[in-house]
Amino acid sequence: MLGLLFGLIVLQRLAELVIARMNKSWMLKRGGVEFESGHYPLFIGLHTLFFLSIILEWQVVEYKIVWLFPVAFIFFLVLQLLRVWCITSLGRRWNTRIIVIPDEPLVFRGPYKYVKHPNYIVVFLELFFIPLMFHAYLTALIFPVLHLLVLSVRIPAEERVLRKGSENLN
């Protein structure tokens, strides 16, 4: 059962990359401009290593805290609802890259009405709770911290682009 769950999570992330690629194409056709993409491989590397780390630790860790799975799973399900809320609130403008369409206003609906970068909060928490479901305790400690390090580059990059304003992008 855990193997199936793991596979579904990986498939979900791959599907999101496909959606992001389609949204990128749509945005570029509408005059969108991509900015500060140099750090993007850090995201891909982080998430790839995250899943590999879970697999490795899941296979070698002998100790299991059985009661932790249901707790982590419930948090995971709530986080999936929040994740979908973030993605659907941005609609076709949701992306894993920094792309801005000139003269389009920023989105201030859904969770973006309350928090500037809600998706990053969700991902941070996922990087903690997903490994707990698979008894990958070290992964649960390391990858949220690594995510914060990547965000220390990503969020300032997004803020610089948004501060310029879409009217000054060309």
N, C-alpha and C. Protein backbone atom coordinates (compact mmCIF):
# COMPACT_ATOMS: atom_id res chain seq x y z
N MET A 1 0.81 -1.19 0.00
CA MET A 1 0.00 0.00 0.00
C MET A 1 0.86 1.26 0.00
N LEU A 2 1.94 1.27 0.79
CA LEU A 2 2.82 2.44 0.82
C LEU A 2 3.47 2.69 -0.53
N GLY A 3 3.81 1.60 -1.22
CA GLY A 3 4.42 1.74 -2.54
C GLY A 3 3.47 2.42 -3.52
N LEU A 4 2.20 2.05 -3.46
CA LEU A 4 1.20 2.67 -4.32
C LEU A 4 1.05 4.16 -3.98
N LEU A 5 0.98 4.47 -2.71
CA LEU A 5 0.88 5.87 -2.29
C LEU A 5 2.08 6.67 -2.77
N PHE A 6 3.27 6.12 -2.61
CA PHE A 6 4.48 6.79 -3.06
C PHE A 6 4.42 7.04 -4.58
N GLY A 7 4.03 6.02 -5.32
CA GLY A 7 3.91 6.16 -6.77
C GLY A 7 2.91 7.24 -7.16
N LEU A 8 1.79 7.31 -6.45
CA LEU A 8 0.78 8.34 -6.74
C LEU A 8 1.32 9.74 -6.48
N ILE A 9 2.10 9.89 -5.42
CA ILE A 9 2.68 11.20 -5.11
C ILE A 9 3.67 11.61 -6.20
N VAL A 10 4.49 10.67 -6.63
CA VAL A 10 5.45 10.96 -7.71
C VAL A 10 4.69 11.32 -9.00
N LEU A 11 3.65 10.55 -9.32
CA LEU A 11 2.86 10.85 -10.52
C LEU A 11 2.20 12.23 -10.43
N GLN A 12 1.74 12.59 -9.24
CA GLN A 12 1.14 13.91 -9.05
C GLN A 12 2.16 15.00 -9.36
N ARG A 13 3.37 14.84 -8.86
CA ARG A 13 4.41 15.85 -9.10
C ARG A 13 4.79 15.92 -10.58
N LEU A 14 4.84 14.78 -11.24
CA LEU A 14 5.14 14.78 -12.67
C LEU A 14 4.01 15.44 -13.46
N ALA A 15 2.76 15.17 -13.06
CA ALA A 15 1.62 15.81 -13.72
C ALA A 15 1.68 17.33 -13.53
N GLU A 16 2.10 17.77 -12.36
CA GLU A 16 2.22 19.20 -12.12
C GLU A 16 3.28 19.83 -13.01
N LEU A 17 4.36 19.10 -13.27
CA LEU A 17 5.38 19.62 -14.19
C LEU A 17 4.82 19.76 -15.60
N VAL A 18 3.96 18.82 -16.01
CA VAL A 18 3.31 18.91 -17.33
C VAL A 18 2.39 20.12 -17.36
N ILE A 19 1.60 20.31 -16.30
CA ILE A 19 0.71 21.47 -16.23
C ILE A 19 1.52 22.76 -16.27
N ALA A 20 2.63 22.80 -15.54
CA ALA A 20 3.48 23.99 -15.53
C ALA A 20 4.03 24.28 -16.92
N ARG A 21 4.42 23.22 -17.63
CA ARG A 21 4.96 23.40 -18.99
C ARG A 21 3.87 23.94 -19.93
N MET A 22 2.65 23.41 -19.81
CA MET A 22 1.55 23.91 -20.64
C MET A 22 1.22 25.35 -20.29
N ASN A 23 1.22 25.66 -18.99
CA ASN A 23 0.96 27.04 -18.57
C ASN A 23 2.06 27.98 -19.04
N LYS A 24 3.29 27.51 -19.01
CA LYS A 24 4.41 28.32 -19.50
C LYS A 24 4.20 28.67 -20.97
N SER A 25 3.85 27.68 -21.76
CA SER A 25 3.61 27.90 -23.18
C SER A 25 2.48 28.92 -23.38
N TRP A 26 1.38 28.75 -22.64
CA TRP A 26 0.25 29.67 -22.72
C TRP A 26 0.67 31.08 -22.34
N MET A 27 1.44 31.21 -21.27
CA MET A 27 1.87 32.52 -20.80
C MET A 27 2.81 33.20 -21.80
N LEU A 28 3.74 32.43 -22.36
CA LEU A 28 4.67 33.01 -23.33
C LEU A 28 3.94 33.47 -24.58
N LYS A 29 2.92 32.73 -25.00
CA LYS A 29 2.13 33.14 -26.17
C LYS A 29 1.37 34.43 -25.91
N ARG A 30 1.07 34.71 -24.65
CA ARG A 30 0.37 35.93 -24.28
C ARG A 30 1.34 37.07 -23.97
N GLY A 31 2.61 36.87 -24.28
CA GLY A 31 3.60 37.91 -24.06
C GLY A 31 4.35 37.79 -22.74
N GLY A 32 4.15 36.68 -22.05
CA GLY A 32 4.83 36.46 -20.78
C GLY A 32 6.34 36.43 -20.94
N VAL A 33 7.02 36.84 -19.90
CA VAL A 33 8.48 36.88 -19.89
C VAL A 33 8.96 36.09 -18.67
N GLU A 34 9.94 35.21 -18.91
CA GLU A 34 10.51 34.45 -17.80
C GLU A 34 11.72 35.19 -17.24
N PHE A 35 11.84 35.17 -15.92
CA PHE A 35 12.92 35.87 -15.24
C PHE A 35 13.66 34.94 -14.29
N GLU A 36 14.92 35.27 -14.07
CA GLU A 36 15.75 34.68 -13.03
C GLU A 36 15.60 33.16 -12.94
N SER A 37 15.86 32.50 -14.06
CA SER A 37 15.68 31.05 -14.12
C SER A 37 16.92 30.27 -13.70
N GLY A 38 17.99 30.96 -13.37
CA GLY A 38 19.24 30.29 -13.04
C GLY A 38 19.16 29.34 -11.85
N HIS A 39 18.27 29.63 -10.92
CA HIS A 39 18.14 28.77 -9.73
C HIS A 39 17.16 27.62 -9.94
N TYR A 40 16.46 27.58 -11.07
CA TYR A 40 15.44 26.56 -11.31
C TYR A 40 15.98 25.13 -11.17
N PRO A 41 17.18 24.84 -11.67
CA PRO A 41 17.72 23.48 -11.48
C PRO A 41 17.85 23.08 -10.01
N LEU A 42 17.99 24.05 -9.11
CA LEU A 42 18.03 23.73 -7.69
C LEU A 42 16.71 23.10 -7.23
N PHE A 43 15.60 23.63 -7.73
CA PHE A 43 14.29 23.06 -7.39
C PHE A 43 14.16 21.63 -7.92
N ILE A 44 14.54 21.45 -9.17
CA ILE A 44 14.45 20.11 -9.77
C ILE A 44 15.34 19.14 -9.01
N GLY A 45 16.57 19.55 -8.72
CA GLY A 45 17.50 18.70 -7.98
C GLY A 45 16.99 18.39 -6.59
N LEU A 46 16.49 19.40 -5.89
CA LEU A 46 15.99 19.20 -4.54
C LEU A 46 14.86 18.18 -4.51
N HIS A 47 13.90 18.32 -5.40
CA HIS A 47 12.75 17.42 -5.39
C HIS A 47 13.11 16.02 -5.89
N THR A 48 14.02 15.93 -6.81
CA THR A 48 14.48 14.61 -7.26
C THR A 48 15.20 13.89 -6.12
N LEU A 49 16.12 14.60 -5.48
CA LEU A 49 16.84 14.00 -4.34
C LEU A 49 15.90 13.68 -3.19
N PHE A 50 14.87 14.48 -3.01
CA PHE A 50 13.88 14.23 -1.97
C PHE A 50 13.25 12.85 -2.14
N PHE A 51 12.77 12.57 -3.33
CA PHE A 51 12.12 11.28 -3.56
C PHE A 51 13.12 10.12 -3.50
N LEU A 52 14.33 10.34 -4.01
CA LEU A 52 15.36 9.29 -3.92
C LEU A 52 15.75 9.04 -2.46
N SER A 53 15.81 10.10 -1.67
CA SER A 53 16.14 9.97 -0.26
C SER A 53 15.07 9.18 0.49
N ILE A 54 13.81 9.44 0.17
CA ILE A 54 12.73 8.67 0.80
C ILE A 54 12.88 7.19 0.47
N ILE A 55 13.10 6.89 -0.80
CA ILE A 55 13.25 5.49 -1.21
C ILE A 55 14.40 4.83 -0.46
N LEU A 56 15.55 5.50 -0.45
CA LEU A 56 16.72 4.93 0.21
C LEU A 56 16.47 4.72 1.71
N GLU A 57 15.98 5.75 2.36
CA GLU A 57 15.77 5.64 3.80
C GLU A 57 14.67 4.64 4.13
N TRP A 58 13.63 4.62 3.33
CA TRP A 58 12.52 3.68 3.52
C TRP A 58 13.03 2.24 3.48
N GLN A 59 14.02 2.00 2.61
CA GLN A 59 14.56 0.65 2.46
C GLN A 59 15.54 0.26 3.57
N VAL A 60 16.26 1.23 4.12
CA VAL A 60 17.32 0.88 5.08
C VAL A 60 16.93 1.08 6.55
N VAL A 61 15.94 1.94 6.82
CA VAL A 61 15.57 2.18 8.20
C VAL A 61 14.80 0.98 8.74
N GLU A 62 15.25 0.50 9.86
CA GLU A 62 14.60 -0.66 10.45
C GLU A 62 13.55 -0.27 11.49
N TYR A 63 13.69 0.89 12.07
CA TYR A 63 12.74 1.32 13.09
C TYR A 63 11.55 2.01 12.43
N LYS A 64 10.38 1.71 12.94
CA LYS A 64 9.15 2.29 12.39
C LYS A 64 8.31 2.80 13.57
N ILE A 65 7.86 4.02 13.45
CA ILE A 65 6.95 4.59 14.44
C ILE A 65 5.55 4.48 13.81
N VAL A 66 4.89 3.37 14.10
CA VAL A 66 3.66 3.00 13.41
C VAL A 66 2.55 4.04 13.55
N TRP A 67 2.37 4.62 14.73
CA TRP A 67 1.29 5.58 14.94
C TRP A 67 1.50 6.87 14.15
N LEU A 68 2.71 7.10 13.65
CA LEU A 68 3.02 8.33 12.93
C LEU A 68 2.38 8.38 11.54
N PHE A 69 2.21 7.22 10.90
CA PHE A 69 1.64 7.22 9.55
C PHE A 69 0.26 7.87 9.50
N PRO A 70 -0.70 7.46 10.32
CA PRO A 70 -2.03 8.08 10.18
C PRO A 70 -2.01 9.59 10.44
N VAL A 71 -1.20 10.02 11.37
CA VAL A 71 -1.10 11.46 11.67
C VAL A 71 -0.51 12.19 10.46
N ALA A 72 0.60 11.67 9.94
CA ALA A 72 1.25 12.29 8.78
C ALA A 72 0.34 12.25 7.56
N PHE A 73 -0.40 11.16 7.40
CA PHE A 73 -1.29 11.02 6.24
C PHE A 73 -2.42 12.05 6.29
N ILE A 74 -2.97 12.29 7.46
CA ILE A 74 -4.03 13.29 7.59
C ILE A 74 -3.48 14.68 7.24
N PHE A 75 -2.29 15.01 7.76
CA PHE A 75 -1.67 16.30 7.40
C PHE A 75 -1.41 16.36 5.90
N PHE A 76 -0.95 15.27 5.32
CA PHE A 76 -0.70 15.21 3.88
C PHE A 76 -1.97 15.50 3.09
N LEU A 77 -3.08 14.89 3.49
CA LEU A 77 -4.34 15.12 2.77
C LEU A 77 -4.77 16.58 2.86
N VAL A 78 -4.65 17.18 4.03
CA VAL A 78 -4.99 18.60 4.19
C VAL A 78 -4.07 19.45 3.30
N LEU A 79 -2.80 19.11 3.28
CA LEU A 79 -1.84 19.86 2.45
C LEU A 79 -2.17 19.73 0.97
N GLN A 80 -2.71 18.57 0.55
CA GLN A 80 -3.08 18.42 -0.85
C GLN A 80 -4.23 19.34 -1.21
N LEU A 81 -5.18 19.50 -0.28
CA LEU A 81 -6.28 20.44 -0.52
C LEU A 81 -5.75 21.87 -0.64
N LEU A 82 -4.81 22.22 0.23
CA LEU A 82 -4.21 23.56 0.15
C LEU A 82 -3.41 23.73 -1.13
N ARG A 83 -2.71 22.68 -1.54
CA ARG A 83 -1.92 22.71 -2.78
C ARG A 83 -2.83 22.97 -3.98
N VAL A 84 -3.93 22.24 -4.05
CA VAL A 84 -4.88 22.42 -5.15
C VAL A 84 -5.48 23.83 -5.11
N TRP A 85 -5.76 24.33 -3.91
CA TRP A 85 -6.29 25.69 -3.76
C TRP A 85 -5.30 26.72 -4.31
N CYS A 86 -4.02 26.53 -4.02
CA CYS A 86 -2.99 27.44 -4.54
C CYS A 86 -2.95 27.40 -6.06
N ILE A 87 -2.93 26.21 -6.61
CA ILE A 87 -2.80 26.04 -8.06
C ILE A 87 -4.04 26.58 -8.78
N THR A 88 -5.22 26.22 -8.30
CA THR A 88 -6.44 26.67 -8.98
C THR A 88 -6.67 28.17 -8.81
N SER A 89 -6.19 28.75 -7.73
CA SER A 89 -6.33 30.19 -7.54
C SER A 89 -5.53 30.97 -8.59
N LEU A 90 -4.38 30.44 -8.96
CA LEU A 90 -3.58 31.10 -10.00
C LEU A 90 -4.04 30.71 -11.41
N GLY A 91 -4.74 29.60 -11.52
CA GLY A 91 -5.22 29.16 -12.83
C GLY A 91 -4.07 28.92 -13.80
N ARG A 92 -4.21 29.43 -15.00
CA ARG A 92 -3.19 29.20 -16.03
C ARG A 92 -1.90 29.97 -15.74
N ARG A 93 -1.93 30.84 -14.76
CA ARG A 93 -0.72 31.58 -14.39
C ARG A 93 0.12 30.84 -13.36
N TRP A 94 -0.37 29.68 -12.87
CA TRP A 94 0.43 28.89 -11.94
C TRP A 94 1.60 28.28 -12.71
N ASN A 95 2.77 28.36 -12.11
CA ASN A 95 3.94 27.80 -12.76
C ASN A 95 5.02 27.51 -11.74
N THR A 96 5.96 26.67 -12.13
CA THR A 96 7.11 26.40 -11.29
C THR A 96 8.26 27.36 -11.61
N ARG A 97 8.04 28.20 -12.57
CA ARG A 97 9.03 29.20 -12.97
C ARG A 97 8.50 30.59 -12.67
N ILE A 98 9.37 31.58 -12.81
CA ILE A 98 8.96 32.97 -12.60
C ILE A 98 8.65 33.57 -13.97
N ILE A 99 7.37 33.62 -14.29
CA ILE A 99 6.92 34.16 -15.58
C ILE A 99 5.84 35.19 -15.30
N VAL A 100 5.99 36.35 -15.91
CA VAL A 100 5.02 37.42 -15.73
C VAL A 100 4.50 37.85 -17.09
N ILE A 101 3.19 38.01 -17.17
CA ILE A 101 2.56 38.53 -18.38
C ILE A 101 2.39 40.04 -18.18
N PRO A 102 3.01 40.85 -19.06
CA PRO A 102 2.93 42.30 -18.91
C PRO A 102 1.49 42.79 -18.83
N ASP A 103 1.28 43.77 -17.99
CA ASP A 103 -0.01 44.46 -17.82
C ASP A 103 -1.11 43.60 -17.21
N GLU A 104 -0.79 42.43 -16.73
CA GLU A 104 -1.79 41.63 -16.02
C GLU A 104 -1.62 41.85 -14.53
N PRO A 105 -2.71 42.07 -13.82
CA PRO A 105 -2.60 42.32 -12.38
C PRO A 105 -2.20 41.05 -11.62
N LEU A 106 -1.60 41.24 -10.47
CA LEU A 106 -1.26 40.11 -9.61
C LEU A 106 -2.54 39.45 -9.10
N VAL A 107 -2.43 38.20 -8.76
CA VAL A 107 -3.57 37.45 -8.23
C VAL A 107 -3.66 37.68 -6.72
N PHE A 108 -4.82 38.08 -6.28
CA PHE A 108 -5.07 38.27 -4.84
C PHE A 108 -6.35 37.53 -4.44
N ARG A 109 -6.52 36.31 -4.92
CA ARG A 109 -7.67 35.50 -4.52
C ARG A 109 -7.16 34.19 -3.93
N GLY A 110 -8.09 33.45 -3.36
CA GLY A 110 -7.69 32.19 -2.74
C GLY A 110 -6.72 32.47 -1.60
N PRO A 111 -5.74 31.60 -1.42
CA PRO A 111 -4.79 31.79 -0.33
C PRO A 111 -3.90 33.01 -0.53
N TYR A 112 -3.80 33.47 -1.79
CA TYR A 112 -2.96 34.64 -2.09
C TYR A 112 -3.56 35.92 -1.53
N LYS A 113 -4.80 35.85 -1.11
CA LYS A 113 -5.45 36.98 -0.46
C LYS A 113 -4.88 37.15 0.96
N TYR A 114 -4.38 36.06 1.54
CA TYR A 114 -3.94 36.06 2.93
C TYR A 114 -2.43 35.97 3.12
N VAL A 115 -1.75 35.32 2.18
CA VAL A 115 -0.32 35.04 2.31
C VAL A 115 0.33 35.27 0.95
N LYS A 116 1.56 35.81 0.96
CA LYS A 116 2.23 36.10 -0.30
C LYS A 116 2.65 34.86 -1.09
N HIS A 117 3.20 33.88 -0.44
CA HIS A 117 3.71 32.69 -1.13
C HIS A 117 3.17 31.42 -0.48
N PRO A 118 1.85 31.21 -0.55
CA PRO A 118 1.27 30.06 0.16
C PRO A 118 1.78 28.71 -0.33
N ASN A 119 2.05 28.61 -1.61
CA ASN A 119 2.51 27.32 -2.16
C ASN A 119 3.83 26.88 -1.52
N TYR A 120 4.70 27.83 -1.22
CA TYR A 120 5.98 27.47 -0.61
C TYR A 120 5.81 26.97 0.82
N ILE A 121 4.80 27.49 1.50
CA ILE A 121 4.49 27.00 2.85
C ILE A 121 4.00 25.56 2.76
N VAL A 122 3.11 25.31 1.81
CA VAL A 122 2.59 23.95 1.61
C VAL A 122 3.73 22.98 1.28
N VAL A 123 4.60 23.36 0.37
CA VAL A 123 5.70 22.48 -0.02
C VAL A 123 6.63 22.23 1.18
N PHE A 124 6.92 23.26 1.94
CA PHE A 124 7.76 23.09 3.13
C PHE A 124 7.17 22.02 4.05
N LEU A 125 5.87 22.13 4.32
CA LEU A 125 5.22 21.16 5.20
C LEU A 125 5.15 19.77 4.58
N GLU A 126 4.95 19.71 3.27
CA GLU A 126 4.96 18.40 2.58
C GLU A 126 6.32 17.73 2.70
N LEU A 127 7.37 18.52 2.59
CA LEU A 127 8.72 17.96 2.68
C LEU A 127 8.99 17.39 4.07
N PHE A 128 8.18 17.77 5.04
CA PHE A 128 8.26 17.20 6.38
C PHE A 128 7.33 15.99 6.54
N PHE A 129 6.08 16.14 6.13
CA PHE A 129 5.09 15.09 6.40
C PHE A 129 5.15 13.90 5.44
N ILE A 130 5.47 14.11 4.18
CA ILE A 130 5.55 12.98 3.25
C ILE A 130 6.59 11.96 3.72
N PRO A 131 7.80 12.36 4.05
CA PRO A 131 8.76 11.35 4.52
C PRO A 131 8.31 10.61 5.78
N LEU A 132 7.59 11.30 6.66
CA LEU A 132 7.11 10.64 7.88
C LEU A 132 6.18 9.47 7.55
N MET A 133 5.42 9.59 6.47
CA MET A 133 4.53 8.49 6.09
C MET A 133 5.32 7.24 5.70
N PHE A 134 6.55 7.44 5.24
CA PHE A 134 7.38 6.33 4.76
C PHE A 134 8.51 6.01 5.73
N HIS A 135 8.41 6.49 6.96
CA HIS A 135 9.41 6.25 8.00
C HIS A 135 10.80 6.72 7.59
N ALA A 136 10.82 7.82 6.83
CA ALA A 136 12.08 8.42 6.39
C ALA A 136 12.33 9.66 7.25
N TYR A 137 12.72 9.43 8.48
CA TYR A 137 12.79 10.48 9.48
C TYR A 137 13.91 11.48 9.21
N LEU A 138 15.04 11.01 8.75
CA LEU A 138 16.15 11.91 8.44
C LEU A 138 15.78 12.81 7.25
N THR A 139 15.13 12.24 6.26
CA THR A 139 14.66 13.02 5.10
C THR A 139 13.70 14.11 5.56
N ALA A 140 12.84 13.79 6.52
CA ALA A 140 11.86 14.76 7.04
C ALA A 140 12.55 15.93 7.74
N LEU A 141 13.73 15.71 8.25
CA LEU A 141 14.46 16.79 8.92
C LEU A 141 15.32 17.60 7.95
N ILE A 142 15.92 16.92 6.98
CA ILE A 142 16.89 17.58 6.09
C ILE A 142 16.21 18.40 4.99
N PHE A 143 15.21 17.83 4.33
CA PHE A 143 14.70 18.48 3.12
C PHE A 143 13.89 19.76 3.35
N PRO A 144 13.16 19.90 4.44
CA PRO A 144 12.55 21.22 4.67
C PRO A 144 13.61 22.31 4.84
N VAL A 145 14.71 21.98 5.46
CA VAL A 145 15.80 22.96 5.63
C VAL A 145 16.42 23.29 4.28
N LEU A 146 16.65 22.28 3.45
CA LEU A 146 17.19 22.53 2.11
C LEU A 146 16.22 23.38 1.29
N HIS A 147 14.93 23.13 1.46
CA HIS A 147 13.91 23.91 0.77
C HIS A 147 13.99 25.39 1.18
N LEU A 148 14.19 25.63 2.47
CA LEU A 148 14.34 27.01 2.93
C LEU A 148 15.56 27.68 2.30
N LEU A 149 16.63 26.93 2.13
CA LEU A 149 17.83 27.49 1.49
C LEU A 149 17.55 27.87 0.04
N VAL A 150 16.83 27.01 -0.69
CA VAL A 150 16.47 27.32 -2.08
C VAL A 150 15.51 28.52 -2.11
N LEU A 151 14.59 28.56 -1.16
CA LEU A 151 13.65 29.69 -1.11
C LEU A 151 14.35 31.01 -0.78
N SER A 152 15.50 30.92 -0.11
CA SER A 152 16.24 32.15 0.19
C SER A 152 16.77 32.80 -1.09
N VAL A 153 16.80 32.04 -2.17
CA VAL A 153 17.15 32.58 -3.50
C VAL A 153 15.87 32.89 -4.28
N ARG A 154 14.92 31.95 -4.23
CA ARG A 154 13.71 32.04 -5.05
C ARG A 154 12.79 33.20 -4.66
N ILE A 155 12.47 33.33 -3.40
CA ILE A 155 11.52 34.37 -3.00
C ILE A 155 12.05 35.77 -3.29
N PRO A 156 13.31 36.08 -2.98
CA PRO A 156 13.81 37.41 -3.37
C PRO A 156 13.78 37.62 -4.88
N ALA A 157 14.02 36.57 -5.66
CA ALA A 157 13.95 36.70 -7.12
C ALA A 157 12.53 37.05 -7.55
N GLU A 158 11.54 36.34 -7.00
CA GLU A 158 10.14 36.65 -7.33
C GLU A 158 9.79 38.07 -6.90
N GLU A 159 10.22 38.45 -5.73
CA GLU A 159 9.89 39.78 -5.22
C GLU A 159 10.51 40.87 -6.09
N ARG A 160 11.74 40.64 -6.56
CA ARG A 160 12.38 41.64 -7.45
C ARG A 160 11.55 41.82 -8.72
N VAL A 161 11.11 40.70 -9.29
CA VAL A 161 10.34 40.75 -10.53
C VAL A 161 8.99 41.43 -10.28
N LEU A 162 8.33 41.05 -9.21
CA LEU A 162 7.01 41.63 -8.92
C LEU A 162 7.13 43.11 -8.56
N ARG A 163 8.21 43.48 -7.89
CA ARG A 163 8.41 44.88 -7.51
C ARG A 163 8.59 45.77 -8.75
N LYS A 164 9.23 45.22 -9.78
CA LYS A 164 9.42 46.00 -11.01
C LYS A 164 8.08 46.34 -11.64
N GLY A 165 7.12 45.46 -11.47
CA GLY A 165 5.81 45.67 -12.07
C GLY A 165 5.79 45.16 -13.50
N SER A 166 4.69 44.58 -13.87
CA SER A 166 4.59 43.96 -15.19
C SER A 166 4.68 44.97 -16.32
N GLU A 167 4.41 46.24 -16.04
CA GLU A 167 4.47 47.24 -17.12
C GLU A 167 5.91 47.56 -17.53
N ASN A 168 6.89 47.24 -16.69
CA ASN A 168 8.28 47.57 -16.98
C ASN A 168 9.09 46.35 -17.40
N LEU A 169 8.44 45.29 -17.82
CA LEU A 169 9.17 44.05 -18.08
C LEU A 169 9.85 43.99 -19.45
N ASN A 170 9.39 44.71 -20.39
CA ASN A 170 9.95 44.56 -21.75
C ASN A 170 11.14 45.41 -22.01
